[in-house]
């Protein structure tokens, strides 16, 4: 019987309002059914949960973001590097676009990530763990002549964070423009302990980015900026999955740092990485994007190597799902082999089907996951997907500790995509992410060797043994998988 008290009527009004929102915006039935059950089963608490973590798009600030994107895209089209070095795989030049063995993969992914373009003439270097990344980043910062732009998800209040912050402060005192952007959720401890105050006084411009600010009408604590980007003088870029924290550095992690990858990038594609930073900086700081689209931040860049590179952004914007589409396109285009390394594996059903069908048509598919991640419920949800993949012929490897936080996709030995995005719904649809696609013989040889090194430290999942796991284990896995839309 209906409750006609004020609380009951309020619950009804909230439930109907949010039901309309769910039915109009949730494209995936499993997500819609989950949130309808939560909203109607738990009075008020369910509504609060949906407003906080169920809304997977940017409402407030969306117009400003789109305006910034439009301006940045316009300036990108006019950039002096663009016309000279961009490769169009949608409308290819018969004389040039097919020179590279990865052309069939870029052709499949390129439409998903426009207006970014594939650029030729880049140089890329794989950096493994903080032991490679931090010294390379510090060297680039120390050599900067005009600007340093740094963005991260986690900025640790520890020795690694302090050393980098001291270096940025020193460069700012020398007159170098330093901008630091961090995610408030990922860097909660540093944010609330005023860790950045000394750097601000030294001249470093520091802003945090968040989608949860009730004063500005933002309640989406489920949306996070997960990008890890650095751009030095508009000429040297870094992008990948390594955060700024002691756990990534062997000297401060008892010799067992988190296994992770980053890429050092030089050449024309650095401009698109800089454009990506400008969009997020404008959103967080409200500094006019026109001020950051000056030639000193976007110098004309020449050929410095042989690598094809395309920057692949991802985020919960209203238009499309470029990152998920790029993953799907690359897997669907595979002719011989697909290797994936990811710390969390709870992707869309379409990605699972793409991997399954690739294996069925004879593609050698390998999936490398950590034996234990830092989220036990995500591990259980991932293992709910093992059976159909194993039956199709996908080989699954569980890497032994330390924690594998690396992310990469290698296709046919000629193409790689890597960056900050995990292969889960959170990275594909909820977080703001940045990946890059690479086609370069030397780099592909290096990353392929690295993937094989991870496999050597892994145990392969046996199909028969997996099927014999206990009923309790299966129930736990399937229960955790119910929460796939927010994992």
Protein backbone atom coordinates (compact mmCIF):
# COMPACT_ATOMS: atom_id res chain seq x y z
CA UNK A 1 0.00 0.00 0.00
CA UNK A 2 1.37 3.41 -0.96
CA UNK A 3 2.78 5.68 1.75
CA UNK A 4 0.95 9.03 1.48
CA UNK A 5 3.16 10.77 4.03
CA UNK A 6 5.42 13.62 2.95
CA UNK A 7 8.39 11.24 2.84
CA UNK A 8 6.44 8.76 0.72
CA UNK A 9 5.30 11.38 -1.78
CA UNK A 10 8.87 12.73 -1.95
CA UNK A 11 10.21 9.26 -2.70
CA UNK A 12 7.62 8.82 -5.44
CA UNK A 13 8.48 12.16 -7.04
CA UNK A 14 12.21 11.47 -6.89
CA UNK A 15 11.73 7.95 -8.19
CA UNK A 16 9.65 9.07 -11.19
CA UNK A 17 12.06 11.89 -12.04
CA UNK A 18 15.12 9.68 -11.90
CA UNK A 19 13.32 6.87 -13.74
CA UNK A 20 12.78 9.22 -16.66
CA UNK A 21 16.45 10.18 -16.60
CA UNK A 22 17.54 6.53 -16.48
CA UNK A 23 15.26 5.46 -19.33
CA UNK A 24 16.30 8.42 -21.49
CA UNK A 25 20.05 8.22 -20.96
CA UNK A 26 21.11 4.66 -20.10
CA UNK A 27 21.89 2.85 -23.34
CA UNK A 28 22.82 -0.45 -21.73
CA UNK A 29 19.89 -2.46 -20.29
CA UNK A 30 21.98 -3.98 -17.47
CA UNK A 31 22.90 -0.50 -16.26
CA UNK A 32 19.33 0.79 -16.51
CA UNK A 33 17.87 -2.19 -14.62
CA UNK A 34 20.52 -1.91 -11.90
CA UNK A 35 19.80 1.76 -11.26
CA UNK A 36 16.02 1.39 -11.43
CA UNK A 37 16.26 -1.28 -8.74
CA UNK A 38 18.50 0.89 -6.56
CA UNK A 39 16.34 4.02 -6.90
CA UNK A 40 13.06 2.29 -6.06
CA UNK A 41 14.33 -0.18 -3.45
CA UNK A 42 16.19 2.28 -1.23
CA UNK A 43 14.17 5.44 -0.54
CA UNK A 44 16.28 8.60 -0.85
CA UNK A 45 19.53 6.66 -0.37
CA UNK A 46 19.05 5.16 -3.83
CA UNK A 47 18.40 8.60 -5.32
CA UNK A 48 21.52 9.97 -3.65
CA UNK A 49 23.54 7.02 -4.94
CA UNK A 50 22.32 7.61 -8.50
CA UNK A 51 23.01 11.34 -8.39
CA UNK A 52 26.49 10.67 -7.01
CA UNK A 53 27.74 7.70 -9.02
CA UNK A 54 25.03 6.76 -11.51
CA UNK A 55 25.17 9.77 -13.82
CA UNK A 56 27.84 8.95 -16.39
CA UNK A 57 27.91 12.18 -18.35
CA UNK A 58 28.95 15.74 -17.70
CA UNK A 59 25.87 17.92 -17.28
CA UNK A 60 27.09 21.09 -15.62
CA UNK A 61 30.03 22.49 -17.50
CA UNK A 62 29.24 20.45 -20.62
CA UNK A 63 28.63 23.57 -22.71
CA UNK A 64 31.92 25.09 -21.59
CA UNK A 65 33.75 21.86 -22.37
CA UNK A 66 32.20 21.62 -25.81
CA UNK A 67 33.02 25.27 -26.55
CA UNK A 68 36.59 24.68 -25.48
CA UNK A 69 36.79 21.52 -27.59
CA UNK A 70 35.44 23.37 -30.63
CA UNK A 71 37.97 26.16 -30.24
CA UNK A 72 40.83 23.75 -29.70
CA UNK A 73 39.78 21.67 -32.72
CA UNK A 74 39.63 24.82 -34.85
CA UNK A 75 43.10 25.87 -33.78
CA UNK A 76 44.37 22.31 -34.31
CA UNK A 77 43.18 22.39 -37.92
CA UNK A 78 45.14 25.58 -38.46
CA UNK A 79 48.27 24.33 -36.76
CA UNK A 80 51.29 24.48 -39.11
CA UNK A 81 52.18 20.87 -38.35
CA UNK A 82 48.74 19.55 -39.20
CA UNK A 83 48.54 19.71 -42.99
CA UNK A 84 52.16 18.70 -43.54
CA UNK A 85 52.36 15.60 -41.39
CA UNK A 86 48.83 14.28 -40.75
CA UNK A 87 47.84 11.00 -42.42
CA UNK A 88 44.18 10.58 -43.36
CA UNK A 89 43.10 6.95 -43.06
CA UNK A 90 39.41 7.65 -43.67
CA UNK A 91 40.10 9.19 -47.08
CA UNK A 92 43.59 7.85 -47.70
CA UNK A 93 46.07 9.05 -50.27
CA UNK A 94 46.79 5.91 -52.31
CA UNK A 95 50.40 6.96 -52.59
CA UNK A 96 51.08 7.37 -48.88
CA UNK A 97 48.53 5.91 -46.53
CA UNK A 98 49.35 2.28 -47.31
CA UNK A 99 53.09 2.58 -46.79
CA UNK A 100 52.77 1.35 -43.21
CA UNK A 101 51.93 -2.26 -42.24
CA UNK A 102 49.47 -1.01 -39.59
CA UNK A 103 47.29 0.86 -42.09
CA UNK A 104 44.42 -1.65 -41.77
CA UNK A 105 44.25 -1.04 -38.01
CA UNK A 106 44.49 2.76 -38.17
CA UNK A 107 41.78 2.73 -40.81
CA UNK A 108 39.54 0.85 -38.34
CA UNK A 109 40.25 3.12 -35.36
CA UNK A 110 40.69 6.55 -36.97
CA UNK A 111 36.98 7.45 -37.31
CA UNK A 112 36.46 6.83 -33.57
CA UNK A 113 38.89 9.50 -32.38
CA UNK A 114 38.45 12.44 -34.74
CA UNK A 115 39.28 15.37 -34.82
CA UNK A 116 42.66 14.00 -33.65
CA UNK A 117 44.79 12.71 -36.49
CA UNK A 118 47.47 10.15 -37.17
CA UNK A 119 50.82 11.96 -37.43
CA UNK A 120 53.96 10.63 -39.05
CA UNK A 121 57.50 11.59 -38.13
CA UNK A 122 57.44 10.91 -34.37
CA UNK A 123 59.92 9.32 -31.98
CA UNK A 124 58.59 7.13 -29.15
CA UNK A 125 60.32 5.46 -26.22
CA UNK A 126 58.84 2.90 -23.83
CA UNK A 127 59.41 3.70 -20.15
CA UNK A 128 58.83 0.83 -17.71
CA UNK A 129 57.96 1.71 -14.11
CA UNK A 130 58.85 4.91 -12.29
CA UNK A 131 62.51 3.88 -12.47
CA UNK A 132 62.47 4.80 -16.18
CA UNK A 133 59.76 7.47 -16.14
CA UNK A 134 60.72 9.74 -13.24
CA UNK A 135 64.34 10.35 -14.34
CA UNK A 136 63.20 11.01 -17.93
CA UNK A 137 60.51 13.43 -16.74
CA UNK A 138 62.91 15.22 -14.38
CA UNK A 139 65.50 15.58 -17.13
CA UNK A 140 62.90 17.11 -19.48
CA UNK A 141 61.64 19.48 -16.77
CA UNK A 142 65.21 20.54 -15.93
CA UNK A 143 65.86 21.30 -19.59
CA UNK A 144 62.63 23.26 -20.20
CA UNK A 145 63.09 26.72 -21.71
CA UNK A 146 59.55 28.11 -21.64
CA UNK A 147 56.69 25.92 -20.32
CA UNK A 148 55.99 22.81 -18.26
CA UNK A 149 52.50 21.30 -18.26
CA UNK A 150 51.88 18.31 -15.99
CA UNK A 151 48.65 16.39 -15.31
CA UNK A 152 48.18 13.32 -13.12
CA UNK A 153 45.51 11.30 -11.34
CA UNK A 154 47.49 10.53 -8.16
CA UNK A 155 50.02 13.03 -6.82
CA UNK A 156 51.38 11.37 -3.71
CA UNK A 157 52.20 13.26 -0.55
CA UNK A 158 55.47 11.33 -0.27
CA UNK A 159 59.12 11.53 -1.25
CA UNK A 160 58.47 11.12 -4.98
CA UNK A 161 55.79 13.81 -4.94
CA UNK A 162 57.92 16.17 -2.86
CA UNK A 163 60.97 15.79 -5.12
CA UNK A 164 58.95 16.54 -8.24
CA UNK A 165 57.16 19.46 -6.59
CA UNK A 166 60.49 20.93 -5.45
CA UNK A 167 61.82 20.66 -9.01
CA UNK A 168 58.73 22.40 -10.44
CA UNK A 169 59.06 25.14 -7.81
CA UNK A 170 62.71 25.70 -8.69
CA UNK A 171 61.89 26.00 -12.41
CA UNK A 172 59.01 28.40 -11.65
CA UNK A 173 61.37 30.65 -9.68
CA UNK A 174 63.62 30.71 -12.75
CA UNK A 175 60.77 32.11 -14.83
CA UNK A 176 59.51 28.93 -16.53
CA UNK A 177 55.70 28.74 -16.78
CA UNK A 178 54.66 25.71 -14.73
CA UNK A 179 51.10 24.37 -14.69
CA UNK A 180 50.13 21.39 -12.55
CA UNK A 181 46.71 19.72 -12.78
CA UNK A 182 45.63 16.80 -10.59
CA UNK A 183 42.43 14.86 -9.92
CA UNK A 184 40.99 15.71 -6.52
CA UNK A 185 39.71 12.18 -5.91
CA UNK A 186 42.99 10.46 -6.81
CA UNK A 187 45.07 13.01 -4.85
CA UNK A 188 42.72 13.44 -1.90
CA UNK A 189 45.40 13.28 0.80
CA UNK A 190 47.68 15.80 -0.91
CA UNK A 191 44.74 18.11 -1.62
CA UNK A 192 43.31 18.22 1.90
CA UNK A 193 46.72 18.60 3.57
CA UNK A 194 47.57 21.68 1.47
CA UNK A 195 50.58 19.89 0.01
CA UNK A 196 50.84 22.28 -2.93
CA UNK A 197 50.91 25.57 -1.01
CA UNK A 198 54.70 26.05 -1.16
CA UNK A 199 54.71 25.33 -4.89
CA UNK A 200 51.98 27.91 -5.45
CA UNK A 201 54.01 30.50 -3.54
CA UNK A 202 57.00 29.66 -5.77
CA UNK A 203 54.92 30.46 -8.87
CA UNK A 204 53.63 27.04 -9.94
CA UNK A 205 50.03 27.32 -11.13
CA UNK A 206 48.20 24.44 -9.45
CA UNK A 207 44.58 23.39 -9.97
CA UNK A 208 42.56 20.33 -9.08
CA UNK A 209 39.87 18.89 -11.29
CA UNK A 210 36.68 17.26 -10.01
CA UNK A 211 33.13 16.51 -11.10
CA UNK A 212 31.91 16.51 -7.48
CA UNK A 213 31.33 20.07 -6.34
CA UNK A 214 27.84 20.73 -4.90
CA UNK A 215 28.49 24.49 -4.94
CA UNK A 216 28.77 24.28 -8.73
CA UNK A 217 25.95 21.78 -9.17
CA UNK A 218 28.27 18.79 -9.70
CA UNK A 219 27.53 15.58 -7.80
CA UNK A 220 29.21 12.97 -9.99
CA UNK A 221 31.85 11.50 -7.69
CA UNK A 222 31.95 8.56 -10.09
CA UNK A 223 33.54 10.67 -12.85
CA UNK A 224 37.29 11.18 -12.50
CA UNK A 225 40.09 12.62 -14.58
CA UNK A 226 42.44 9.66 -14.87
CA UNK A 227 44.87 11.20 -17.38
CA UNK A 228 48.65 11.25 -16.90
CA UNK A 229 50.14 13.80 -19.29
CA UNK A 230 53.25 15.97 -19.37
CA UNK A 231 54.20 18.39 -22.15
CA UNK A 232 57.50 20.30 -22.02
CA UNK A 233 57.96 23.38 -24.25
CA UNK A 234 55.30 21.98 -26.58
CA UNK A 235 57.99 19.63 -27.96
CA UNK A 236 58.39 16.70 -25.54
CA UNK A 237 55.42 14.72 -24.28
CA UNK A 238 54.83 11.94 -21.79
CA UNK A 239 51.68 9.85 -21.58
CA UNK A 240 50.85 6.56 -19.87
CA UNK A 241 49.65 4.95 -16.67
CA UNK A 242 52.28 5.88 -14.08
CA UNK A 243 51.16 8.12 -11.22
CA UNK A 244 53.38 10.33 -9.06
CA UNK A 245 53.93 8.24 -5.92
CA UNK A 246 56.53 6.18 -4.06
CA UNK A 247 54.82 2.90 -4.96
CA UNK A 248 56.00 3.27 -8.55
CA UNK A 249 59.68 3.78 -7.70
CA UNK A 250 61.88 0.81 -6.72
CA UNK A 251 64.06 2.86 -4.37
CA UNK A 252 61.00 3.84 -2.31
CA UNK A 253 58.98 0.61 -2.75
CA UNK A 254 61.37 -1.94 -1.20
CA UNK A 255 62.61 -2.90 -4.65
CA UNK A 256 59.16 -4.09 -5.84
CA UNK A 257 57.46 -1.15 -7.56
CA UNK A 258 54.10 -1.38 -9.27
CA UNK A 259 54.65 -2.60 -12.83
CA UNK A 260 53.48 0.13 -15.19
CA UNK A 261 54.24 1.69 -18.59
CA UNK A 262 54.67 5.23 -19.87
CA UNK A 263 55.72 6.61 -23.26
CA UNK A 264 58.06 9.48 -24.04
CA UNK A 265 56.91 11.21 -27.23
CA UNK A 266 58.66 13.67 -29.52
CA UNK A 267 57.42 14.99 -32.84
CA UNK A 268 54.21 16.29 -34.40
CA UNK A 269 51.80 14.27 -32.21
CA UNK A 270 52.95 16.25 -29.14
CA UNK A 271 50.69 19.07 -30.36
CA UNK A 272 47.56 16.94 -29.90
CA UNK A 273 48.76 16.00 -26.42
CA UNK A 274 49.13 19.70 -25.65
CA UNK A 275 45.64 20.40 -26.98
CA UNK A 276 44.33 17.69 -24.63
CA UNK A 277 45.98 19.39 -21.66
CA UNK A 278 44.59 22.80 -22.66
CA UNK A 279 41.01 21.48 -22.67
CA UNK A 280 41.30 20.11 -19.14
CA UNK A 281 43.24 23.10 -17.83
CA UNK A 282 40.56 25.47 -19.11
CA UNK A 283 37.83 23.39 -17.42
CA UNK A 284 39.66 23.42 -14.07
CA UNK A 285 41.13 26.93 -14.03
CA UNK A 286 38.77 28.90 -16.29
CA UNK A 287 41.85 30.44 -17.88
CA UNK A 288 40.72 31.43 -21.40
CA UNK A 289 41.85 28.75 -23.87
CA UNK A 290 42.87 31.50 -26.32
CA UNK A 291 45.64 32.46 -23.91
CA UNK A 292 46.99 28.91 -24.04
CA UNK A 293 46.72 28.48 -27.81
CA UNK A 294 49.65 30.75 -28.55
CA UNK A 295 52.51 29.67 -30.84
CA UNK A 296 54.95 29.39 -27.92
CA UNK A 297 52.93 26.44 -26.60
CA UNK A 298 52.42 24.97 -30.08
CA UNK A 299 55.64 25.36 -32.07
CA UNK A 300 55.90 24.00 -35.60
CA UNK A 301 57.21 20.47 -35.19
CA UNK A 302 59.33 18.64 -37.73
CA UNK A 303 60.01 15.00 -38.45
CA UNK A 304 62.14 13.46 -35.71
CA UNK A 305 61.54 9.74 -36.28
CA UNK A 306 59.56 7.11 -38.14
CA UNK A 307 56.65 6.46 -35.78
CA UNK A 308 53.00 6.96 -36.66
CA UNK A 309 51.18 8.26 -33.57
CA UNK A 310 47.59 9.22 -32.83
CA UNK A 311 46.38 10.62 -29.50
CA UNK A 312 43.17 8.90 -28.33
CA UNK A 313 41.11 10.82 -25.76
CA UNK A 314 38.29 9.26 -23.77
CA UNK A 315 35.63 10.68 -21.48
CA UNK A 316 31.93 10.82 -20.57
CA UNK A 317 31.10 13.57 -23.03
CA UNK A 318 27.71 13.46 -24.66
CA UNK A 319 29.04 12.61 -28.12
CA UNK A 320 30.08 9.02 -28.73
CA UNK A 321 32.50 6.65 -27.04
CA UNK A 322 35.72 7.12 -28.97
CA UNK A 323 38.02 5.13 -26.71
CA UNK A 324 35.74 2.09 -26.55
CA UNK A 325 35.23 2.28 -30.32
CA UNK A 326 38.99 2.48 -30.89
CA UNK A 327 39.58 -0.66 -28.80
CA UNK A 328 36.80 -2.47 -30.65
CA UNK A 329 38.07 -1.33 -34.07
CA UNK A 330 41.64 -2.43 -33.37
CA UNK A 331 40.58 -5.89 -32.14
CA UNK A 332 38.16 -6.35 -35.04
CA UNK A 333 40.90 -5.42 -37.54
CA UNK A 334 43.38 -7.98 -36.16
CA UNK A 335 44.59 -10.54 -38.69
CA UNK A 336 47.15 -12.58 -36.74
CA UNK A 337 47.55 -11.71 -33.07
CA UNK A 338 46.12 -9.62 -30.21
CA UNK A 339 47.90 -9.20 -26.89
CA UNK A 340 46.32 -7.21 -24.04
CA UNK A 341 47.83 -6.22 -20.71
CA UNK A 342 45.43 -4.55 -18.26
CA UNK A 343 45.09 -4.36 -14.46
CA UNK A 344 41.28 -4.45 -14.54
CA UNK A 345 39.23 -6.42 -17.07
CA UNK A 346 35.52 -5.62 -16.87
CA UNK A 347 34.84 -4.23 -20.36
CA UNK A 348 31.71 -3.76 -22.45
CA UNK A 349 30.06 -6.88 -23.78
CA UNK A 350 31.09 -5.74 -27.28
CA UNK A 351 34.79 -5.88 -26.35
CA UNK A 352 34.37 -9.37 -24.89
CA UNK A 353 32.60 -10.49 -28.05
CA UNK A 354 35.29 -8.93 -30.24
CA UNK A 355 38.01 -10.85 -28.37
CA UNK A 356 36.01 -14.05 -28.44
CA UNK A 357 35.30 -13.81 -32.17
CA UNK A 358 38.90 -12.87 -32.98
CA UNK A 359 40.02 -16.12 -31.31
CA UNK A 360 37.34 -18.11 -33.13
CA UNK A 361 38.55 -16.86 -36.51
CA UNK A 362 42.10 -17.94 -35.77
CA UNK A 363 43.69 -14.84 -34.27
CA UNK A 364 46.10 -15.66 -31.42
CA UNK A 365 44.58 -13.75 -28.48
CA UNK A 366 46.47 -13.36 -25.19
CA UNK A 367 45.13 -11.56 -22.12
CA UNK A 368 47.49 -10.70 -19.24
CA UNK A 369 45.98 -9.68 -15.89
CA UNK A 370 47.39 -9.36 -12.38
CA UNK A 371 46.98 -12.42 -10.18
CA UNK A 372 45.74 -10.00 -7.52
CA UNK A 373 44.91 -6.35 -8.14
CA UNK A 374 44.22 -3.68 -5.51
CA UNK A 375 40.43 -4.19 -5.94
CA UNK A 376 39.32 -7.73 -5.03
CA UNK A 377 35.78 -7.16 -6.32
CA UNK A 378 37.10 -6.19 -9.76
CA UNK A 379 39.21 -9.36 -9.83
CA UNK A 380 36.11 -11.44 -9.12
CA UNK A 381 34.04 -9.62 -11.75
CA UNK A 382 36.77 -10.19 -14.35
CA UNK A 383 36.86 -13.91 -13.68
CA UNK A 384 33.14 -14.15 -14.40
CA UNK A 385 34.13 -13.47 -18.04
CA UNK A 386 36.82 -16.15 -18.32
CA UNK A 387 34.67 -19.12 -19.38
CA UNK A 388 33.39 -17.82 -22.76
CA UNK A 389 36.82 -16.46 -23.61
CA UNK A 390 38.63 -19.69 -22.72
CA UNK A 391 36.09 -21.74 -24.69
CA UNK A 392 36.78 -19.59 -27.75
CA UNK A 393 40.53 -20.14 -27.49
CA UNK A 394 41.66 -16.95 -25.72
CA UNK A 395 44.75 -17.61 -23.58
CA UNK A 396 44.58 -15.88 -20.19
CA UNK A 397 47.64 -15.29 -18.01
CA UNK A 398 47.68 -14.15 -14.38
CA UNK A 399 50.85 -12.25 -13.57
CA UNK A 400 52.40 -12.82 -10.17
CA UNK A 401 53.12 -9.86 -7.82
CA UNK A 402 54.11 -7.08 -7.69
CA UNK A 403 50.87 -5.52 -8.87
CA UNK A 404 50.55 -5.22 -12.66
CA UNK A 405 49.07 -1.77 -13.39
CA UNK A 406 50.30 -1.58 -17.01
CA UNK A 407 47.92 -1.16 -19.93
CA UNK A 408 48.65 -1.97 -23.56
CA UNK A 409 47.04 -3.49 -26.64
CA UNK A 410 49.31 -4.94 -29.33
CA UNK A 411 47.82 -6.04 -32.66
CA UNK A 412 49.58 -8.10 -35.35
CA UNK A 413 52.96 -7.00 -34.03
CA UNK A 414 52.66 -3.72 -35.96
CA UNK A 415 50.35 -1.58 -33.82
CA UNK A 416 50.07 -0.70 -30.13
CA UNK A 417 47.63 1.34 -28.08
CA UNK A 418 48.56 2.31 -24.55
CA UNK A 419 48.09 5.05 -22.00
CA UNK A 420 45.98 5.65 -18.90
CA UNK A 421 42.88 3.61 -19.83
CA UNK A 422 42.15 0.25 -18.27
CA UNK A 423 39.96 -2.23 -20.12
CA UNK A 424 36.90 -1.70 -17.95
CA UNK A 425 33.66 0.26 -18.10
CA UNK A 426 35.06 2.97 -15.82
CA UNK A 427 37.92 3.81 -18.20
CA UNK A 428 35.94 3.27 -21.39
CA UNK A 429 32.95 5.42 -20.39
CA UNK A 430 33.24 7.12 -16.99
CA UNK A 431 36.78 8.47 -16.62
CA UNK A 432 38.58 11.09 -18.67
CA UNK A 433 41.50 9.18 -20.21
CA UNK A 434 44.30 9.61 -22.73
CA UNK A 435 45.81 6.81 -24.81
CA UNK A 436 48.02 6.88 -27.84
CA UNK A 437 48.26 4.61 -30.86
CA UNK A 438 51.71 3.78 -32.19
CA UNK A 439 53.05 2.11 -35.30
CA UNK A 440 56.84 1.90 -35.26
CA UNK A 441 59.00 -1.17 -35.88
CA UNK A 442 61.47 -0.58 -33.04
CA UNK A 443 58.83 0.39 -30.50
CA UNK A 444 56.60 -2.56 -31.39
CA UNK A 445 59.51 -4.92 -30.98
CA UNK A 446 60.23 -3.41 -27.55
CA UNK A 447 56.62 -3.47 -26.28
CA UNK A 448 56.08 -7.01 -27.65
CA UNK A 449 59.15 -8.19 -25.74
CA UNK A 450 57.81 -6.49 -22.61
CA UNK A 451 54.45 -8.26 -22.93
CA UNK A 452 56.25 -11.59 -23.28
CA UNK A 453 58.27 -10.73 -20.18
CA UNK A 454 55.01 -10.26 -18.26
CA UNK A 455 53.78 -13.63 -19.54
CA UNK A 456 57.00 -15.29 -18.36
CA UNK A 457 56.15 -14.05 -14.85
CA UNK A 458 52.58 -15.34 -15.11
CA UNK A 459 50.58 -18.52 -14.65
CA UNK A 460 48.24 -19.51 -17.48
CA UNK A 461 44.62 -20.13 -16.55
CA UNK A 462 43.67 -23.73 -17.22
CA UNK A 463 40.20 -24.00 -18.74
CA UNK A 464 39.30 -27.29 -17.07
CA UNK A 465 40.48 -26.17 -13.66
CA UNK A 466 38.61 -22.88 -14.01
CA UNK A 467 35.38 -24.71 -14.80
CA UNK A 468 35.82 -26.87 -11.68
CA UNK A 469 35.92 -23.89 -9.29
CA UNK A 470 33.46 -23.99 -6.40
CA UNK A 471 29.83 -22.87 -6.52
CA UNK A 472 30.62 -20.24 -3.89
CA UNK A 473 33.39 -18.87 -6.10
CA UNK A 474 31.06 -18.68 -9.10
CA UNK A 475 28.37 -16.94 -7.06
CA UNK A 476 30.92 -14.39 -5.81
CA UNK A 477 32.19 -13.70 -9.33
CA UNK A 478 28.74 -13.32 -10.85
CA UNK A 479 27.56 -11.13 -7.97
CA UNK A 480 30.50 -8.74 -8.41
CA UNK A 481 29.92 -8.70 -12.17
CA UNK A 482 26.41 -7.33 -11.54
CA UNK A 483 28.14 -4.04 -10.69
CA UNK A 484 29.99 -3.91 -14.01
CA UNK A 485 28.42 -0.54 -14.99
CA UNK A 486 30.29 1.23 -12.18
CA UNK A 487 33.50 -0.86 -11.97
